[in-house]
Amino acid sequence: MKAFRLQNVVWKEGKHYVAQCLNVDVSSFGKTKKEALRNLQEALELYFEDAKNPRLAQVERAEISRSLVHA
């Protein structure tokens, strides 16, 4: 089995925490940060189990930035 070093981000949304992988389009959630990351780990394992040629975005240094959008 191949190992990948992935970068994830976690934030609180309402009553839950959302965990998202920055390298592939996979996310999950949980009642705590720990649970959200554990659920993300499981989702990533399932993703890579089914992906024949996974495409990983290289994320060297993630940075939080804000945008103002008028809708």
PDB file of N, CA and C in Angstrom:
ATOM      1  N   MET A   1       0.843  -1.178   0.000  1.00  0.00           N
ATOM      2  CA  MET A   1       0.000   0.000   0.000  1.00  0.00           C
ATOM      3  C   MET A   1       0.889   1.243   0.000  1.00  0.00           C
ATOM      4  N   LYS A   2       0.555   2.195  -0.834  1.00  0.00           N
ATOM      5  CA  LYS A   2       1.308   3.431  -0.960  1.00  0.00           C
ATOM      6  C   LYS A   2       0.876   4.424   0.118  1.00  0.00           C
ATOM      7  N   ALA A   3       1.827   5.183   0.632  1.00  0.00           N
ATOM      8  CA  ALA A   3       1.529   6.189   1.659  1.00  0.00           C
ATOM      9  C   ALA A   3       1.587   7.579   1.035  1.00  0.00           C
ATOM     10  N   PHE A   4       0.659   8.432   1.416  1.00  0.00           N
ATOM     11  CA  PHE A   4       0.602   9.810   0.950  1.00  0.00           C
ATOM     12  C   PHE A   4       0.666  10.738   2.150  1.00  0.00           C
ATOM     13  N   ARG A   5       1.409  11.818   2.036  1.00  0.00           N
ATOM     14  CA  ARG A   5       1.449  12.839   3.079  1.00  0.00           C
ATOM     15  C   ARG A   5       0.491  13.945   2.651  1.00  0.00           C
ATOM     16  N   LEU A   6      -0.633  14.059   3.360  1.00  0.00           N
ATOM     17  CA  LEU A   6      -1.702  14.976   2.979  1.00  0.00           C
ATOM     18  C   LEU A   6      -1.844  16.101   3.992  1.00  0.00           C
ATOM     19  N   GLN A   7      -2.374  17.231   3.526  1.00  0.00           N
ATOM     20  CA  GLN A   7      -2.625  18.366   4.410  1.00  0.00           C
ATOM     21  C   GLN A   7      -4.130  18.557   4.528  1.00  0.00           C
ATOM     22  N   ASN A   8      -4.580  18.755   5.759  1.00  0.00           N
ATOM     23  CA  ASN A   8      -6.006  18.897   6.033  1.00  0.00           C
ATOM     24  C   ASN A   8      -6.264  20.198   6.790  1.00  0.00           C
ATOM     25  N   VAL A   9      -7.489  20.658   6.708  1.00  0.00           N
ATOM     26  CA  VAL A   9      -7.913  21.839   7.443  1.00  0.00           C
ATOM     27  C   VAL A   9      -9.196  21.489   8.184  1.00  0.00           C
ATOM     28  N   VAL A  10      -9.375  22.060   9.386  1.00  0.00           N
ATOM     29  CA  VAL A  10     -10.561  21.796  10.207  1.00  0.00           C
ATOM     30  C   VAL A  10     -11.132  23.129  10.662  1.00  0.00           C
ATOM     31  N   TRP A  11     -12.460  23.248  10.598  1.00  0.00           N
ATOM     32  CA  TRP A  11     -13.118  24.452  11.104  1.00  0.00           C
ATOM     33  C   TRP A  11     -14.466  24.087  11.682  1.00  0.00           C
ATOM     34  N   LYS A  12     -14.973  24.972  12.531  1.00  0.00           N
ATOM     35  CA  LYS A  12     -16.271  24.745  13.155  1.00  0.00           C
ATOM     36  C   LYS A  12     -17.347  25.388  12.297  1.00  0.00           C
ATOM     37  N   GLU A  13     -18.397  24.630  12.050  1.00  0.00           N
ATOM     38  CA  GLU A  13     -19.531  25.100  11.258  1.00  0.00           C
ATOM     39  C   GLU A  13     -20.796  24.718  12.015  1.00  0.00           C
ATOM     40  N   GLY A  14     -21.406  25.691  12.671  1.00  0.00           N
ATOM     41  CA  GLY A  14     -22.580  25.391  13.497  1.00  0.00           C
ATOM     42  C   GLY A  14     -22.167  24.553  14.688  1.00  0.00           C
ATOM     43  N   LYS A  15     -22.825  23.411  14.867  1.00  0.00           N
ATOM     44  CA  LYS A  15     -22.531  22.527  15.997  1.00  0.00           C
ATOM     45  C   LYS A  15     -21.478  21.477  15.667  1.00  0.00           C
ATOM     46  N   HIS A  16     -21.018  21.425  14.431  1.00  0.00           N
ATOM     47  CA  HIS A  16     -20.073  20.384  14.009  1.00  0.00           C
ATOM     48  C   HIS A  16     -18.755  20.983  13.535  1.00  0.00           C
ATOM     49  N   TYR A  17     -17.751  20.123  13.467  1.00  0.00           N
ATOM     50  CA  TYR A  17     -16.466  20.469  12.882  1.00  0.00           C
ATOM     51  C   TYR A  17     -16.386  19.814  11.509  1.00  0.00           C
ATOM     52  N   VAL A  18     -15.834  20.534  10.556  1.00  0.00           N
ATOM     53  CA  VAL A  18     -15.647  20.027   9.203  1.00  0.00           C
ATOM     54  C   VAL A  18     -14.150  19.849   8.994  1.00  0.00           C
ATOM     55  N   ALA A  19     -13.758  18.718   8.452  1.00  0.00           N
ATOM     56  CA  ALA A  19     -12.361  18.439   8.121  1.00  0.00           C
ATOM     57  C   ALA A  19     -12.291  18.204   6.616  1.00  0.00           C
ATOM     58  N   GLN A  20     -11.378  18.908   5.960  1.00  0.00           N
ATOM     59  CA  GLN A  20     -11.252  18.797   4.507  1.00  0.00           C
ATOM     60  C   GLN A  20      -9.792  18.581   4.139  1.00  0.00           C
ATOM     61  N   CYS A  21      -9.568  17.672   3.220  1.00  0.00           N
ATOM     62  CA  CYS A  21      -8.231  17.437   2.699  1.00  0.00           C
ATOM     63  C   CYS A  21      -7.960  18.459   1.602  1.00  0.00           C
ATOM     64  N   LEU A  22      -6.815  19.115   1.648  1.00  0.00           N
ATOM     65  CA  LEU A  22      -6.473  20.124   0.654  1.00  0.00           C
ATOM     66  C   LEU A  22      -5.875  19.513  -0.618  1.00  0.00           C
ATOM     67  N   ASN A  23      -5.443  18.265  -0.548  1.00  0.00           N
ATOM     68  CA  ASN A  23      -4.794  17.626  -1.695  1.00  0.00           C
ATOM     69  C   ASN A  23      -5.761  16.930  -2.637  1.00  0.00           C
ATOM     70  N   VAL A  24      -6.879  16.460  -2.099  1.00  0.00           N
ATOM     71  CA  VAL A  24      -7.923  15.820  -2.908  1.00  0.00           C
ATOM     72  C   VAL A  24      -9.276  16.343  -2.425  1.00  0.00           C
ATOM     73  N   ASP A  25     -10.282  16.212  -3.231  1.00  0.00           N
ATOM     74  CA  ASP A  25     -11.599  16.751  -2.903  1.00  0.00           C
ATOM     75  C   ASP A  25     -12.371  15.765  -2.018  1.00  0.00           C
ATOM     76  N   VAL A  26     -11.941  15.669  -0.757  1.00  0.00           N
ATOM     77  CA  VAL A  26     -12.575  14.770   0.212  1.00  0.00           C
ATOM     78  C   VAL A  26     -12.726  15.534   1.522  1.00  0.00           C
ATOM     79  N   SER A  27     -13.898  15.410   2.139  1.00  0.00           N
ATOM     80  CA  SER A  27     -14.130  16.052   3.433  1.00  0.00           C
ATOM     81  C   SER A  27     -15.050  15.187   4.272  1.00  0.00           C
ATOM     82  N   SER A  28     -15.128  15.508   5.561  1.00  0.00           N
ATOM     83  CA  SER A  28     -16.021  14.813   6.475  1.00  0.00           C
ATOM     84  C   SER A  28     -16.305  15.753   7.640  1.00  0.00           C
ATOM     85  N   PHE A  29     -17.062  15.267   8.626  1.00  0.00           N
ATOM     86  CA  PHE A  29     -17.406  16.115   9.760  1.00  0.00           C
ATOM     87  C   PHE A  29     -17.557  15.270  11.014  1.00  0.00           C
ATOM     88  N   GLY A  30     -17.647  15.948  12.165  1.00  0.00           N
ATOM     89  CA  GLY A  30     -17.848  15.271  13.439  1.00  0.00           C
ATOM     90  C   GLY A  30     -18.227  16.279  14.509  1.00  0.00           C
ATOM     91  N   LYS A  31     -18.585  15.770  15.674  1.00  0.00           N
ATOM     92  CA  LYS A  31     -18.975  16.644  16.789  1.00  0.00           C
ATOM     93  C   LYS A  31     -17.768  17.323  17.430  1.00  0.00           C
ATOM     94  N   THR A  32     -16.581  16.737  17.268  1.00  0.00           N
ATOM     95  CA  THR A  32     -15.336  17.312  17.786  1.00  0.00           C
ATOM     96  C   THR A  32     -14.314  17.353  16.650  1.00  0.00           C
ATOM     97  N   LYS A  33     -13.232  18.110  16.850  1.00  0.00           N
ATOM     98  CA  LYS A  33     -12.157  18.138  15.847  1.00  0.00           C
ATOM     99  C   LYS A  33     -11.587  16.741  15.648  1.00  0.00           C
ATOM    100  N   LYS A  34     -11.366  16.049  16.771  1.00  0.00           N
ATOM    101  CA  LYS A  34     -10.792  14.704  16.712  1.00  0.00           C
ATOM    102  C   LYS A  34     -11.681  13.753  15.908  1.00  0.00           C
ATOM    103  N   GLU A  35     -12.983  13.819  16.151  1.00  0.00           N
ATOM    104  CA  GLU A  35     -13.915  12.963  15.430  1.00  0.00           C
ATOM    105  C   GLU A  35     -13.957  13.329  13.946  1.00  0.00           C
ATOM    106  N   ALA A  36     -13.933  14.619  13.637  1.00  0.00           N
ATOM    107  CA  ALA A  36     -13.944  15.057  12.247  1.00  0.00           C
ATOM    108  C   ALA A  36     -12.705  14.550  11.514  1.00  0.00           C
ATOM    109  N   LEU A  37     -11.541  14.637  12.156  1.00  0.00           N
ATOM    110  CA  LEU A  37     -10.304  14.153  11.533  1.00  0.00           C
ATOM    111  C   LEU A  37     -10.291  12.632  11.401  1.00  0.00           C
ATOM    112  N   ARG A  38     -10.831  11.941  12.387  1.00  0.00           N
ATOM    113  CA  ARG A  38     -10.922  10.479  12.309  1.00  0.00           C
ATOM    114  C   ARG A  38     -11.841  10.073  11.154  1.00  0.00           C
ATOM    115  N   ASN A  39     -12.968  10.771  11.003  1.00  0.00           N
ATOM    116  CA  ASN A  39     -13.896  10.479   9.910  1.00  0.00           C
ATOM    117  C   ASN A  39     -13.272  10.824   8.558  1.00  0.00           C
ATOM    118  N   LEU A  40     -12.485  11.897   8.519  1.00  0.00           N
ATOM    119  CA  LEU A  40     -11.789  12.253   7.278  1.00  0.00           C
ATOM    120  C   LEU A  40     -10.779  11.170   6.917  1.00  0.00           C
ATOM    121  N   GLN A  41     -10.061  10.665   7.898  1.00  0.00           N
ATOM    122  CA  GLN A  41      -9.095   9.597   7.651  1.00  0.00           C
ATOM    123  C   GLN A  41      -9.782   8.392   7.002  1.00  0.00           C
ATOM    124  N   GLU A  42     -10.922   8.015   7.542  1.00  0.00           N
ATOM    125  CA  GLU A  42     -11.680   6.884   6.983  1.00  0.00           C
ATOM    126  C   GLU A  42     -12.146   7.193   5.556  1.00  0.00           C
ATOM    127  N   ALA A  43     -12.634   8.407   5.336  1.00  0.00           N
ATOM    128  CA  ALA A  43     -13.088   8.797   3.997  1.00  0.00           C
ATOM    129  C   ALA A  43     -11.928   8.793   3.004  1.00  0.00           C
ATOM    130  N   LEU A  44     -10.747   9.242   3.436  1.00  0.00           N
ATOM    131  CA  LEU A  44      -9.575   9.236   2.559  1.00  0.00           C
ATOM    132  C   LEU A  44      -9.132   7.823   2.225  1.00  0.00           C
ATOM    133  N   GLU A  45      -9.178   6.929   3.203  1.00  0.00           N
ATOM    134  CA  GLU A  45      -8.820   5.534   2.945  1.00  0.00           C
ATOM    135  C   GLU A  45      -9.760   4.920   1.915  1.00  0.00           C
ATOM    136  N   LEU A  46     -11.050   5.201   2.033  1.00  0.00           N
ATOM    137  CA  LEU A  46     -12.021   4.699   1.047  1.00  0.00           C
ATOM    138  C   LEU A  46     -11.786   5.331  -0.321  1.00  0.00           C
ATOM    139  N   TYR A  47     -11.471   6.614  -0.344  1.00  0.00           N
ATOM    140  CA  TYR A  47     -11.199   7.315  -1.605  1.00  0.00           C
ATOM    141  C   TYR A  47     -10.025   6.667  -2.330  1.00  0.00           C
ATOM    142  N   PHE A  48      -8.913   6.462  -1.625  1.00  0.00           N
ATOM    143  CA  PHE A  48      -7.725   5.911  -2.261  1.00  0.00           C
ATOM    144  C   PHE A  48      -7.882   4.427  -2.583  1.00  0.00           C
ATOM    145  N   GLU A  49      -8.746   3.740  -1.860  1.00  0.00           N
ATOM    146  CA  GLU A  49      -9.023   2.334  -2.149  1.00  0.00           C
ATOM    147  C   GLU A  49      -9.686   2.202  -3.526  1.00  0.00           C
ATOM    148  N   ASP A  50     -10.560   3.167  -3.857  1.00  0.00           N
ATOM    149  CA  ASP A  50     -11.302   3.116  -5.116  1.00  0.00           C
ATOM    150  C   ASP A  50     -10.631   3.865  -6.262  1.00  0.00           C
ATOM    151  N   ALA A  51      -9.739   4.806  -5.953  1.00  0.00           N
ATOM    152  CA  ALA A  51      -9.121   5.627  -6.999  1.00  0.00           C
ATOM    153  C   ALA A  51      -8.030   4.839  -7.711  1.00  0.00           C
ATOM    154  N   LYS A  52      -8.154   4.734  -9.037  1.00  0.00           N
ATOM    155  CA  LYS A  52      -7.144   4.013  -9.816  1.00  0.00           C
ATOM    156  C   LYS A  52      -5.899   4.879 -10.025  1.00  0.00           C
ATOM    157  N   ASN A  53      -6.095   6.119 -10.391  1.00  0.00           N
ATOM    158  CA  ASN A  53      -4.993   7.067 -10.580  1.00  0.00           C
ATOM    159  C   ASN A  53      -5.318   8.362  -9.835  1.00  0.00           C
ATOM    160  N   PRO A  54      -5.118   8.368  -8.521  1.00  0.00           N
ATOM    161  CA  PRO A  54      -5.488   9.569  -7.761  1.00  0.00           C
ATOM    162  C   PRO A  54      -4.643  10.772  -8.177  1.00  0.00           C
ATOM    163  N   ARG A  55      -5.295  11.911  -8.285  1.00  0.00           N
ATOM    164  CA  ARG A  55      -4.599  13.155  -8.618  1.00  0.00           C
ATOM    165  C   ARG A  55      -4.488  13.978  -7.347  1.00  0.00           C
ATOM    166  N   LEU A  56      -3.268  14.186  -6.939  1.00  0.00           N
ATOM    167  CA  LEU A  56      -3.021  14.938  -5.715  1.00  0.00           C
ATOM    168  C   LEU A  56      -2.543  16.338  -6.052  1.00  0.00           C
ATOM    169  N   ALA A  57      -3.195  17.331  -5.488  1.00  0.00           N
ATOM    170  CA  ALA A  57      -2.717  18.699  -5.611  1.00  0.00           C
ATOM    171  C   ALA A  57      -1.574  18.866  -4.619  1.00  0.00           C
ATOM    172  N   GLN A  58      -0.485  19.451  -5.052  1.00  0.00           N
ATOM    173  CA  GLN A  58       0.643  19.700  -4.163  1.00  0.00           C
ATOM    174  C   GLN A  58       0.365  20.952  -3.347  1.00  0.00           C
ATOM    175  N   VAL A  59       0.329  20.820  -2.049  1.00  0.00           N
ATOM    176  CA  VAL A  59       0.108  21.947  -1.153  1.00  0.00           C
ATOM    177  C   VAL A  59       1.364  22.073  -0.297  1.00  0.00           C
ATOM    178  N   GLU A  60       2.174  23.066  -0.602  1.00  0.00           N
ATOM    179  CA  GLU A  60       3.405  23.235   0.161  1.00  0.00           C
ATOM    180  C   GLU A  60       3.177  24.048   1.425  1.00  0.00           C
ATOM    181  N   ARG A  61       2.416  25.121   1.301  1.00  0.00           N
ATOM    182  CA  ARG A  61       2.164  25.969   2.457  1.00  0.00           C
ATOM    183  C   ARG A  61       0.774  26.565   2.322  1.00  0.00           C
ATOM    184  N   ALA A  62      -0.134  26.105   3.143  1.00  0.00           N
ATOM    185  CA  ALA A  62      -1.510  26.616   3.108  1.00  0.00           C
ATOM    186  C   ALA A  62      -1.577  27.927   3.884  1.00  0.00           C
ATOM    187  N   GLU A  63      -2.422  28.818   3.415  1.00  0.00           N
ATOM    188  CA  GLU A  63      -2.577  30.118   4.053  1.00  0.00           C
ATOM    189  C   GLU A  63      -4.052  30.482   4.042  1.00  0.00           C
ATOM    190  N   ILE A  64      -4.553  30.970   5.150  1.00  0.00           N
ATOM    191  CA  ILE A  64      -5.964  31.396   5.226  1.00  0.00           C
ATOM    192  C   ILE A  64      -6.052  32.818   4.717  1.00  0.00           C
ATOM    193  N   SER A  65      -6.961  33.052   3.810  1.00  0.00           N
ATOM    194  CA  SER A  65      -7.196  34.412   3.330  1.00  0.00           C
ATOM    195  C   SER A  65      -8.693  34.655   3.318  1.00  0.00           C
ATOM    196  N   ARG A  66      -9.076  35.898   3.364  1.00  0.00           N
ATOM    197  CA  ARG A  66     -10.498  36.258   3.396  1.00  0.00           C
ATOM    198  C   ARG A  66     -10.862  36.992   2.123  1.00  0.00           C
ATOM    199  N   SER A  67     -12.103  36.801   1.695  1.00  0.00           N
ATOM    200  CA  SER A  67     -12.628  37.496   0.529  1.00  0.00           C
ATOM    201  C   SER A  67     -13.939  38.152   0.912  1.00  0.00           C
ATOM    202  N   LEU A  68     -14.214  39.273   0.279  1.00  0.00           N
ATOM    203  CA  LEU A  68     -15.492  39.943   0.471  1.00  0.00           C
ATOM    204  C   LEU A  68     -16.257  39.797  -0.841  1.00  0.00           C
ATOM    205  N   VAL A  69     -17.439  39.188  -0.766  1.00  0.00           N
ATOM    206  CA  VAL A  69     -18.244  38.940  -1.953  1.00  0.00           C
ATOM    207  C   VAL A  69     -19.590  39.634  -1.767  1.00  0.00           C
ATOM    208  N   HIS A  70     -19.990  40.390  -2.745  1.00  0.00           N
ATOM    209  CA  HIS A  70     -21.313  41.036  -2.737  1.00  0.00           C
ATOM    210  C   HIS A  70     -22.231  40.185  -3.611  1.00  0.00           C
ATOM    211  N   ALA A  71     -23.291  39.675  -3.018  1.00  0.00           N
ATOM    212  CA  ALA A  71     -24.209  38.823  -3.787  1.00  0.00           C
ATOM    213  C   ALA A  71     -25.606  39.429  -3.819  1.00  0.00           C
TER     214      ALA A  71
END
